[in-house]
Amino acid sequence: MSEDDALELRRLRWRSRRGMRELDRLFERWLDQRWAVSSESERAVFRRLLDCEDDRLWKWFLGHDRPDDADLDTLVQSIRALPHND
């Protein structure tokens, strides 16, 4: 991993801290398991996901609602399906 990639990953970890443990863990899990192997387009979708409001994110991850944006929905579903390491 390049120095630029490592710096961006640290920044994303900080942005992923939502103050809601469950969301924090979901984002951390994706960063730990998928970031390094993700395409630039998938990384861009993850950055957009981080711009969404917490209450909306929580509904998506609980499965009570789905994003209108197909790319966001695909990423939410893939994050939900990631194996737990805890």
PDB file of N, CA and C in Angstrom:
ATOM      1  N   MET A   1       0.855  -1.174   0.000  1.00  0.00           N
ATOM      2  CA  MET A   1       0.000   0.000   0.000  1.00  0.00           C
ATOM      3  C   MET A   1       0.899   1.236   0.000  1.00  0.00           C
ATOM      4  N   SER A   2       0.595   2.144  -0.892  1.00  0.00           N
ATOM      5  CA  SER A   2       1.394   3.366  -0.982  1.00  0.00           C
ATOM      6  C   SER A   2       1.117   4.272   0.211  1.00  0.00           C
ATOM      7  N   GLU A   3       1.988   5.244   0.398  1.00  0.00           N
ATOM      8  CA  GLU A   3       1.814   6.198   1.494  1.00  0.00           C
ATOM      9  C   GLU A   3       0.524   6.996   1.323  1.00  0.00           C
ATOM     10  N   ASP A   4       0.190   7.356   0.079  1.00  0.00           N
ATOM     11  CA  ASP A   4      -1.053   8.081  -0.190  1.00  0.00           C
ATOM     12  C   ASP A   4      -2.275   7.229   0.157  1.00  0.00           C
ATOM     13  N   ASP A   5      -2.223   5.943  -0.200  1.00  0.00           N
ATOM     14  CA  ASP A   5      -3.331   5.032   0.125  1.00  0.00           C
ATOM     15  C   ASP A   5      -3.483   4.888   1.636  1.00  0.00           C
ATOM     16  N   ALA A   6      -2.367   4.759   2.330  1.00  0.00           N
ATOM     17  CA  ALA A   6      -2.412   4.620   3.785  1.00  0.00           C
ATOM     18  C   ALA A   6      -2.989   5.877   4.434  1.00  0.00           C
ATOM     19  N   LEU A   7      -2.609   7.040   3.924  1.00  0.00           N
ATOM     20  CA  LEU A   7      -3.137   8.297   4.452  1.00  0.00           C
ATOM     21  C   LEU A   7      -4.642   8.394   4.201  1.00  0.00           C
ATOM     22  N   GLU A   8      -5.072   8.045   2.996  1.00  0.00           N
ATOM     23  CA  GLU A   8      -6.506   8.097   2.707  1.00  0.00           C
ATOM     24  C   GLU A   8      -7.275   7.113   3.583  1.00  0.00           C
ATOM     25  N   LEU A   9      -6.739   5.935   3.798  1.00  0.00           N
ATOM     26  CA  LEU A   9      -7.397   4.950   4.644  1.00  0.00           C
ATOM     27  C   LEU A   9      -7.551   5.477   6.069  1.00  0.00           C
ATOM     28  N   ARG A  10      -6.524   6.131   6.590  1.00  0.00           N
ATOM     29  CA  ARG A  10      -6.622   6.726   7.937  1.00  0.00           C
ATOM     30  C   ARG A  10      -7.703   7.792   7.972  1.00  0.00           C
ATOM     31  N   ARG A  11      -7.767   8.619   6.947  1.00  0.00           N
ATOM     32  CA  ARG A  11      -8.804   9.655   6.879  1.00  0.00           C
ATOM     33  C   ARG A  11     -10.200   9.031   6.829  1.00  0.00           C
ATOM     34  N   LEU A  12     -10.346   7.980   6.044  1.00  0.00           N
ATOM     35  CA  LEU A  12     -11.637   7.317   5.941  1.00  0.00           C
ATOM     36  C   LEU A  12     -12.029   6.650   7.257  1.00  0.00           C
ATOM     37  N   ARG A  13     -11.072   6.095   7.950  1.00  0.00           N
ATOM     38  CA  ARG A  13     -11.372   5.509   9.268  1.00  0.00           C
ATOM     39  C   ARG A  13     -11.907   6.591  10.207  1.00  0.00           C
ATOM     40  N   TRP A  14     -11.312   7.763  10.154  1.00  0.00           N
ATOM     41  CA  TRP A  14     -11.779   8.864  10.991  1.00  0.00           C
ATOM     42  C   TRP A  14     -13.199   9.288  10.574  1.00  0.00           C
ATOM     43  N   ARG A  15     -13.432   9.438   9.277  1.00  0.00           N
ATOM     44  CA  ARG A  15     -14.770   9.817   8.772  1.00  0.00           C
ATOM     45  C   ARG A  15     -15.810   8.751   9.075  1.00  0.00           C
ATOM     46  N   SER A  16     -15.385   7.511   9.215  1.00  0.00           N
ATOM     47  CA  SER A  16     -16.299   6.404   9.470  1.00  0.00           C
ATOM     48  C   SER A  16     -16.784   6.364  10.909  1.00  0.00           C
ATOM     49  N   ARG A  17     -16.165   7.120  11.774  1.00  0.00           N
ATOM     50  CA  ARG A  17     -16.576   7.161  13.178  1.00  0.00           C
ATOM     51  C   ARG A  17     -17.834   8.009  13.284  1.00  0.00           C
ATOM     52  N   ARG A  18     -18.951   7.352  13.475  1.00  0.00           N
ATOM     53  CA  ARG A  18     -20.238   8.019  13.442  1.00  0.00           C
ATOM     54  C   ARG A  18     -20.793   8.301  14.834  1.00  0.00           C
ATOM     55  N   GLY A  19     -20.230   7.708  15.859  1.00  0.00           N
ATOM     56  CA  GLY A  19     -20.790   7.869  17.188  1.00  0.00           C
ATOM     57  C   GLY A  19     -21.870   6.839  17.477  1.00  0.00           C
ATOM     58  N   MET A  20     -22.110   5.960  16.526  1.00  0.00           N
ATOM     59  CA  MET A  20     -23.046   4.852  16.703  1.00  0.00           C
ATOM     60  C   MET A  20     -22.228   3.583  16.463  1.00  0.00           C
ATOM     61  N   ARG A  21     -21.986   2.853  17.520  1.00  0.00           N
ATOM     62  CA  ARG A  21     -21.074   1.717  17.464  1.00  0.00           C
ATOM     63  C   ARG A  21     -21.382   0.763  16.304  1.00  0.00           C
ATOM     64  N   GLU A  22     -22.648   0.508  16.073  1.00  0.00           N
ATOM     65  CA  GLU A  22     -23.024  -0.439  15.026  1.00  0.00           C
ATOM     66  C   GLU A  22     -22.587   0.051  13.639  1.00  0.00           C
ATOM     67  N   LEU A  23     -22.817   1.328  13.357  1.00  0.00           N
ATOM     68  CA  LEU A  23     -22.369   1.886  12.071  1.00  0.00           C
ATOM     69  C   LEU A  23     -20.849   1.895  11.993  1.00  0.00           C
ATOM     70  N   ASP A  24     -20.207   2.285  13.091  1.00  0.00           N
ATOM     71  CA  ASP A  24     -18.743   2.292  13.126  1.00  0.00           C
ATOM     72  C   ASP A  24     -18.192   0.924  12.740  1.00  0.00           C
ATOM     73  N   ARG A  25     -18.750  -0.118  13.314  1.00  0.00           N
ATOM     74  CA  ARG A  25     -18.256  -1.475  13.046  1.00  0.00           C
ATOM     75  C   ARG A  25     -18.514  -1.901  11.601  1.00  0.00           C
ATOM     76  N   LEU A  26     -19.672  -1.538  11.068  1.00  0.00           N
ATOM     77  CA  LEU A  26     -19.957  -1.875   9.672  1.00  0.00           C
ATOM     78  C   LEU A  26     -18.930  -1.233   8.734  1.00  0.00           C
ATOM     79  N   PHE A  27     -18.675   0.054   8.939  1.00  0.00           N
ATOM     80  CA  PHE A  27     -17.712   0.749   8.088  1.00  0.00           C
ATOM     81  C   PHE A  27     -16.302   0.216   8.295  1.00  0.00           C
ATOM     82  N   GLU A  28     -15.910  -0.023   9.542  1.00  0.00           N
ATOM     83  CA  GLU A  28     -14.579  -0.567   9.821  1.00  0.00           C
ATOM     84  C   GLU A  28     -14.405  -1.926   9.161  1.00  0.00           C
ATOM     85  N   ARG A  29     -15.447  -2.737   9.226  1.00  0.00           N
ATOM     86  CA  ARG A  29     -15.386  -4.073   8.621  1.00  0.00           C
ATOM     87  C   ARG A  29     -15.121  -3.965   7.124  1.00  0.00           C
ATOM     88  N   TRP A  30     -15.827  -3.049   6.439  1.00  0.00           N
ATOM     89  CA  TRP A  30     -15.612  -2.892   5.006  1.00  0.00           C
ATOM     90  C   TRP A  30     -14.195  -2.391   4.725  1.00  0.00           C
ATOM     91  N   LEU A  31     -13.759  -1.418   5.503  1.00  0.00           N
ATOM     92  CA  LEU A  31     -12.403  -0.898   5.297  1.00  0.00           C
ATOM     93  C   LEU A  31     -11.360  -1.987   5.523  1.00  0.00           C
ATOM     94  N   ASP A  32     -11.544  -2.807   6.542  1.00  0.00           N
ATOM     95  CA  ASP A  32     -10.587  -3.880   6.843  1.00  0.00           C
ATOM     96  C   ASP A  32     -10.593  -4.981   5.788  1.00  0.00           C
ATOM     97  N   GLN A  33     -11.773  -5.342   5.316  1.00  0.00           N
ATOM     98  CA  GLN A  33     -11.891  -6.510   4.438  1.00  0.00           C
ATOM     99  C   GLN A  33     -11.905  -6.181   2.951  1.00  0.00           C
ATOM    100  N   ARG A  34     -12.358  -4.991   2.571  1.00  0.00           N
ATOM    101  CA  ARG A  34     -12.590  -4.723   1.160  1.00  0.00           C
ATOM    102  C   ARG A  34     -11.803  -3.564   0.557  1.00  0.00           C
ATOM    103  N   TRP A  35     -11.395  -2.601   1.367  1.00  0.00           N
ATOM    104  CA  TRP A  35     -10.757  -1.394   0.825  1.00  0.00           C
ATOM    105  C   TRP A  35      -9.586  -1.734  -0.083  1.00  0.00           C
ATOM    106  N   ALA A  36      -8.688  -2.556   0.372  1.00  0.00           N
ATOM    107  CA  ALA A  36      -7.452  -2.835  -0.370  1.00  0.00           C
ATOM    108  C   ALA A  36      -7.717  -3.481  -1.729  1.00  0.00           C
ATOM    109  N   VAL A  37      -8.809  -4.204  -1.861  1.00  0.00           N
ATOM    110  CA  VAL A  37      -9.091  -4.909  -3.108  1.00  0.00           C
ATOM    111  C   VAL A  37     -10.191  -4.240  -3.934  1.00  0.00           C
ATOM    112  N   SER A  38     -10.684  -3.119  -3.464  1.00  0.00           N
ATOM    113  CA  SER A  38     -11.781  -2.427  -4.153  1.00  0.00           C
ATOM    114  C   SER A  38     -11.271  -1.606  -5.326  1.00  0.00           C
ATOM    115  N   SER A  39     -12.144  -1.502  -6.325  1.00  0.00           N
ATOM    116  CA  SER A  39     -11.831  -0.650  -7.470  1.00  0.00           C
ATOM    117  C   SER A  39     -11.993   0.808  -7.050  1.00  0.00           C
ATOM    118  N   GLU A  40     -11.465   1.710  -7.846  1.00  0.00           N
ATOM    119  CA  GLU A  40     -11.604   3.136  -7.551  1.00  0.00           C
ATOM    120  C   GLU A  40     -13.069   3.550  -7.581  1.00  0.00           C
ATOM    121  N   SER A  41     -13.857   2.956  -8.459  1.00  0.00           N
ATOM    122  CA  SER A  41     -15.282   3.316  -8.508  1.00  0.00           C
ATOM    123  C   SER A  41     -16.009   2.861  -7.242  1.00  0.00           C
ATOM    124  N   GLU A  42     -15.676   1.685  -6.724  1.00  0.00           N
ATOM    125  CA  GLU A  42     -16.299   1.229  -5.477  1.00  0.00           C
ATOM    126  C   GLU A  42     -15.843   2.100  -4.304  1.00  0.00           C
ATOM    127  N   ARG A  43     -14.599   2.508  -4.312  1.00  0.00           N
ATOM    128  CA  ARG A  43     -14.107   3.407  -3.265  1.00  0.00           C
ATOM    129  C   ARG A  43     -14.854   4.742  -3.306  1.00  0.00           C
ATOM    130  N   ALA A  44     -15.124   5.220  -4.504  1.00  0.00           N
ATOM    131  CA  ALA A  44     -15.869   6.483  -4.640  1.00  0.00           C
ATOM    132  C   ALA A  44     -17.286   6.339  -4.084  1.00  0.00           C
ATOM    133  N   VAL A  45     -17.899   5.196  -4.299  1.00  0.00           N
ATOM    134  CA  VAL A  45     -19.240   4.955  -3.753  1.00  0.00           C
ATOM    135  C   VAL A  45     -19.169   4.926  -2.229  1.00  0.00           C
ATOM    136  N   PHE A  46     -18.128   4.313  -1.670  1.00  0.00           N
ATOM    137  CA  PHE A  46     -17.967   4.290  -0.213  1.00  0.00           C
ATOM    138  C   PHE A  46     -17.837   5.710   0.334  1.00  0.00           C
ATOM    139  N   ARG A  47     -17.072   6.536  -0.340  1.00  0.00           N
ATOM    140  CA  ARG A  47     -16.943   7.933   0.106  1.00  0.00           C
ATOM    141  C   ARG A  47     -18.302   8.632   0.082  1.00  0.00           C
ATOM    142  N   ARG A  48     -19.094   8.376  -0.957  1.00  0.00           N
ATOM    143  CA  ARG A  48     -20.445   8.965  -1.026  1.00  0.00           C
ATOM    144  C   ARG A  48     -21.328   8.442   0.096  1.00  0.00           C
ATOM    145  N   LEU A  49     -21.165   7.166   0.423  1.00  0.00           N
ATOM    146  CA  LEU A  49     -21.935   6.578   1.512  1.00  0.00           C
ATOM    147  C   LEU A  49     -21.648   7.307   2.822  1.00  0.00           C
ATOM    148  N   LEU A  50     -20.391   7.657   3.036  1.00  0.00           N
ATOM    149  CA  LEU A  50     -20.020   8.368   4.256  1.00  0.00           C
ATOM    150  C   LEU A  50     -20.638   9.765   4.342  1.00  0.00           C
ATOM    151  N   ASP A  51     -21.061  10.309   3.214  1.00  0.00           N
ATOM    152  CA  ASP A  51     -21.704  11.622   3.200  1.00  0.00           C
ATOM    153  C   ASP A  51     -23.187  11.559   3.589  1.00  0.00           C
ATOM    154  N   CYS A  52     -23.741  10.366   3.696  1.00  0.00           N
ATOM    155  CA  CYS A  52     -25.165  10.208   4.011  1.00  0.00           C
ATOM    156  C   CYS A  52     -25.413  10.389   5.505  1.00  0.00           C
ATOM    157  N   GLU A  53     -26.635  10.761   5.824  1.00  0.00           N
ATOM    158  CA  GLU A  53     -27.030  10.985   7.216  1.00  0.00           C
ATOM    159  C   GLU A  53     -27.141   9.660   7.960  1.00  0.00           C
ATOM    160  N   ASP A  54     -26.775   9.698   9.233  1.00  0.00           N
ATOM    161  CA  ASP A  54     -26.748   8.485  10.046  1.00  0.00           C
ATOM    162  C   ASP A  54     -28.104   7.785  10.125  1.00  0.00           C
ATOM    163  N   ASP A  55     -29.187   8.541  10.297  1.00  0.00           N
ATOM    164  CA  ASP A  55     -30.487   7.888  10.421  1.00  0.00           C
ATOM    165  C   ASP A  55     -30.871   7.159   9.133  1.00  0.00           C
ATOM    166  N   ARG A  56     -30.510   7.712   8.008  1.00  0.00           N
ATOM    167  CA  ARG A  56     -30.760   7.058   6.720  1.00  0.00           C
ATOM    168  C   ARG A  56     -29.884   5.801   6.591  1.00  0.00           C
ATOM    169  N   LEU A  57     -28.618   5.926   6.942  1.00  0.00           N
ATOM    170  CA  LEU A  57     -27.707   4.782   6.900  1.00  0.00           C
ATOM    171  C   LEU A  57     -28.234   3.634   7.756  1.00  0.00           C
ATOM    172  N   TRP A  58     -28.672   3.973   8.949  1.00  0.00           N
ATOM    173  CA  TRP A  58     -29.131   2.951   9.878  1.00  0.00           C
ATOM    174  C   TRP A  58     -30.329   2.203   9.304  1.00  0.00           C
ATOM    175  N   LYS A  59     -31.273   2.905   8.695  1.00  0.00           N
ATOM    176  CA  LYS A  59     -32.429   2.248   8.064  1.00  0.00           C
ATOM    177  C   LYS A  59     -31.988   1.328   6.932  1.00  0.00           C
ATOM    178  N   TRP A  60     -31.008   1.778   6.155  1.00  0.00           N
ATOM    179  CA  TRP A  60     -30.509   0.943   5.060  1.00  0.00           C
ATOM    180  C   TRP A  60     -29.857  -0.324   5.576  1.00  0.00           C
ATOM    181  N   PHE A  61     -29.000  -0.166   6.590  1.00  0.00           N
ATOM    182  CA  PHE A  61     -28.272  -1.334   7.091  1.00  0.00           C
ATOM    183  C   PHE A  61     -29.168  -2.292   7.865  1.00  0.00           C
ATOM    184  N   LEU A  62     -30.242  -1.796   8.445  1.00  0.00           N
ATOM    185  CA  LEU A  62     -31.198  -2.679   9.106  1.00  0.00           C
ATOM    186  C   LEU A  62     -32.127  -3.358   8.108  1.00  0.00           C
ATOM    187  N   GLY A  63     -32.156  -2.848   6.884  1.00  0.00           N
ATOM    188  CA  GLY A  63     -33.015  -3.412   5.867  1.00  0.00           C
ATOM    189  C   GLY A  63     -34.431  -2.851   5.885  1.00  0.00           C
ATOM    190  N   HIS A  64     -34.652  -1.750   6.609  1.00  0.00           N
ATOM    191  CA  HIS A  64     -35.966  -1.120   6.660  1.00  0.00           C
ATOM    192  C   HIS A  64     -36.229  -0.233   5.454  1.00  0.00           C
ATOM    193  N   ASP A  65     -35.187   0.129   4.755  1.00  0.00           N
ATOM    194  CA  ASP A  65     -35.287   0.997   3.585  1.00  0.00           C
ATOM    195  C   ASP A  65     -34.096   0.685   2.694  1.00  0.00           C
ATOM    196  N   ARG A  66     -34.138   1.162   1.460  1.00  0.00           N
ATOM    197  CA  ARG A  66     -33.025   0.956   0.533  1.00  0.00           C
ATOM    198  C   ARG A  66     -32.714   2.270  -0.158  1.00  0.00           C
ATOM    199  N   PRO A  67     -31.446   2.499  -0.464  1.00  0.00           N
ATOM    200  CA  PRO A  67     -31.089   3.725  -1.192  1.00  0.00           C
ATOM    201  C   PRO A  67     -31.704   3.729  -2.591  1.00  0.00           C
ATOM    202  N   ASP A  68     -32.079   4.915  -3.046  1.00  0.00           N
ATOM    203  CA  ASP A  68     -32.575   5.053  -4.417  1.00  0.00           C
ATOM    204  C   ASP A  68     -31.447   4.846  -5.429  1.00  0.00           C
ATOM    205  N   ASP A  69     -30.247   5.215  -5.039  1.00  0.00           N
ATOM    206  CA  ASP A  69     -29.065   5.086  -5.885  1.00  0.00           C
ATOM    207  C   ASP A  69     -28.624   3.617  -5.932  1.00  0.00           C
ATOM    208  N   ALA A  70     -28.606   3.026  -7.108  1.00  0.00           N
ATOM    209  CA  ALA A  70     -28.275   1.606  -7.257  1.00  0.00           C
ATOM    210  C   ALA A  70     -26.868   1.274  -6.764  1.00  0.00           C
ATOM    211  N   ASP A  71     -25.909   2.168  -6.998  1.00  0.00           N
ATOM    212  CA  ASP A  71     -24.534   1.913  -6.540  1.00  0.00           C
ATOM    213  C   ASP A  71     -24.452   1.907  -5.022  1.00  0.00           C
ATOM    214  N   LEU A  72     -25.135   2.850  -4.388  1.00  0.00           N
ATOM    215  CA  LEU A  72     -25.159   2.870  -2.918  1.00  0.00           C
ATOM    216  C   LEU A  72     -25.844   1.615  -2.383  1.00  0.00           C
ATOM    217  N   ASP A  73     -26.938   1.219  -3.007  1.00  0.00           N
ATOM    218  CA  ASP A  73     -27.657   0.027  -2.560  1.00  0.00           C
ATOM    219  C   ASP A  73     -26.777  -1.211  -2.672  1.00  0.00           C
ATOM    220  N   THR A  74     -26.069  -1.337  -3.771  1.00  0.00           N
ATOM    221  CA  THR A  74     -25.171  -2.488  -3.955  1.00  0.00           C
ATOM    222  C   THR A  74     -24.110  -2.517  -2.861  1.00  0.00           C
ATOM    223  N   LEU A  75     -23.532  -1.367  -2.556  1.00  0.00           N
ATOM    224  CA  LEU A  75     -22.501  -1.317  -1.520  1.00  0.00           C
ATOM    225  C   LEU A  75     -23.091  -1.614  -0.147  1.00  0.00           C
ATOM    226  N   VAL A  76     -24.232  -1.048   0.172  1.00  0.00           N
ATOM    227  CA  VAL A  76     -24.877  -1.319   1.466  1.00  0.00           C
ATOM    228  C   VAL A  76     -25.121  -2.818   1.613  1.00  0.00           C
ATOM    229  N   GLN A  77     -25.650  -3.444   0.577  1.00  0.00           N
ATOM    230  CA  GLN A  77     -25.936  -4.878   0.646  1.00  0.00           C
ATOM    231  C   GLN A  77     -24.643  -5.689   0.802  1.00  0.00           C
ATOM    232  N   SER A  78     -23.576  -5.271   0.147  1.00  0.00           N
ATOM    233  CA  SER A  78     -22.316  -6.014   0.277  1.00  0.00           C
ATOM    234  C   SER A  78     -21.709  -5.823   1.666  1.00  0.00           C
ATOM    235  N   ILE A  79     -21.853  -4.640   2.238  1.00  0.00           N
ATOM    236  CA  ILE A  79     -21.362  -4.412   3.605  1.00  0.00           C
ATOM    237  C   ILE A  79     -22.170  -5.253   4.593  1.00  0.00           C
ATOM    238  N   ARG A  80     -23.482  -5.300   4.395  1.00  0.00           N
ATOM    239  CA  ARG A  80     -24.332  -6.105   5.274  1.00  0.00           C
ATOM    240  C   ARG A  80     -23.940  -7.587   5.230  1.00  0.00           C
ATOM    241  N   ALA A  81     -23.451  -8.039   4.083  1.00  0.00           N
ATOM    242  CA  ALA A  81     -23.143  -9.458   3.900  1.00  0.00           C
ATOM    243  C   ALA A  81     -21.730  -9.834   4.348  1.00  0.00           C
ATOM    244  N   LEU A  82     -20.897  -8.859   4.696  1.00  0.00           N
ATOM    245  CA  LEU A  82     -19.521  -9.169   5.099  1.00  0.00           C
ATOM    246  C   LEU A  82     -19.507 -10.001   6.379  1.00  0.00           C
ATOM    247  N   PRO A  83     -18.612 -10.974   6.456  1.00  0.00           N
ATOM    248  CA  PRO A  83     -18.520 -11.764   7.676  1.00  0.00           C
ATOM    249  C   PRO A  83     -18.023 -10.930   8.855  1.00  0.00           C
ATOM    250  N   HIS A  84     -18.540 -11.239  10.014  1.00  0.00           N
ATOM    251  CA  HIS A  84     -18.142 -10.545  11.246  1.00  0.00           C
ATOM    252  C   HIS A  84     -16.821 -11.111  11.742  1.00  0.00           C
ATOM    253  N   ASN A  85     -15.968 -10.215  12.194  1.00  0.00           N
ATOM    254  CA  ASN A  85     -14.706 -10.647  12.791  1.00  0.00           C
ATOM    255  C   ASN A  85     -14.731 -10.508  14.301  1.00  0.00           C
ATOM    256  N   ASP A  86     -15.864 -10.031  14.845  1.00  0.00           N
ATOM    257  CA  ASP A  86     -15.913  -9.792  16.288  1.00  0.00           C
ATOM    258  C   ASP A  86     -16.551 -10.918  17.034  1.00  0.00           C
TER     259      ASP A  86
END
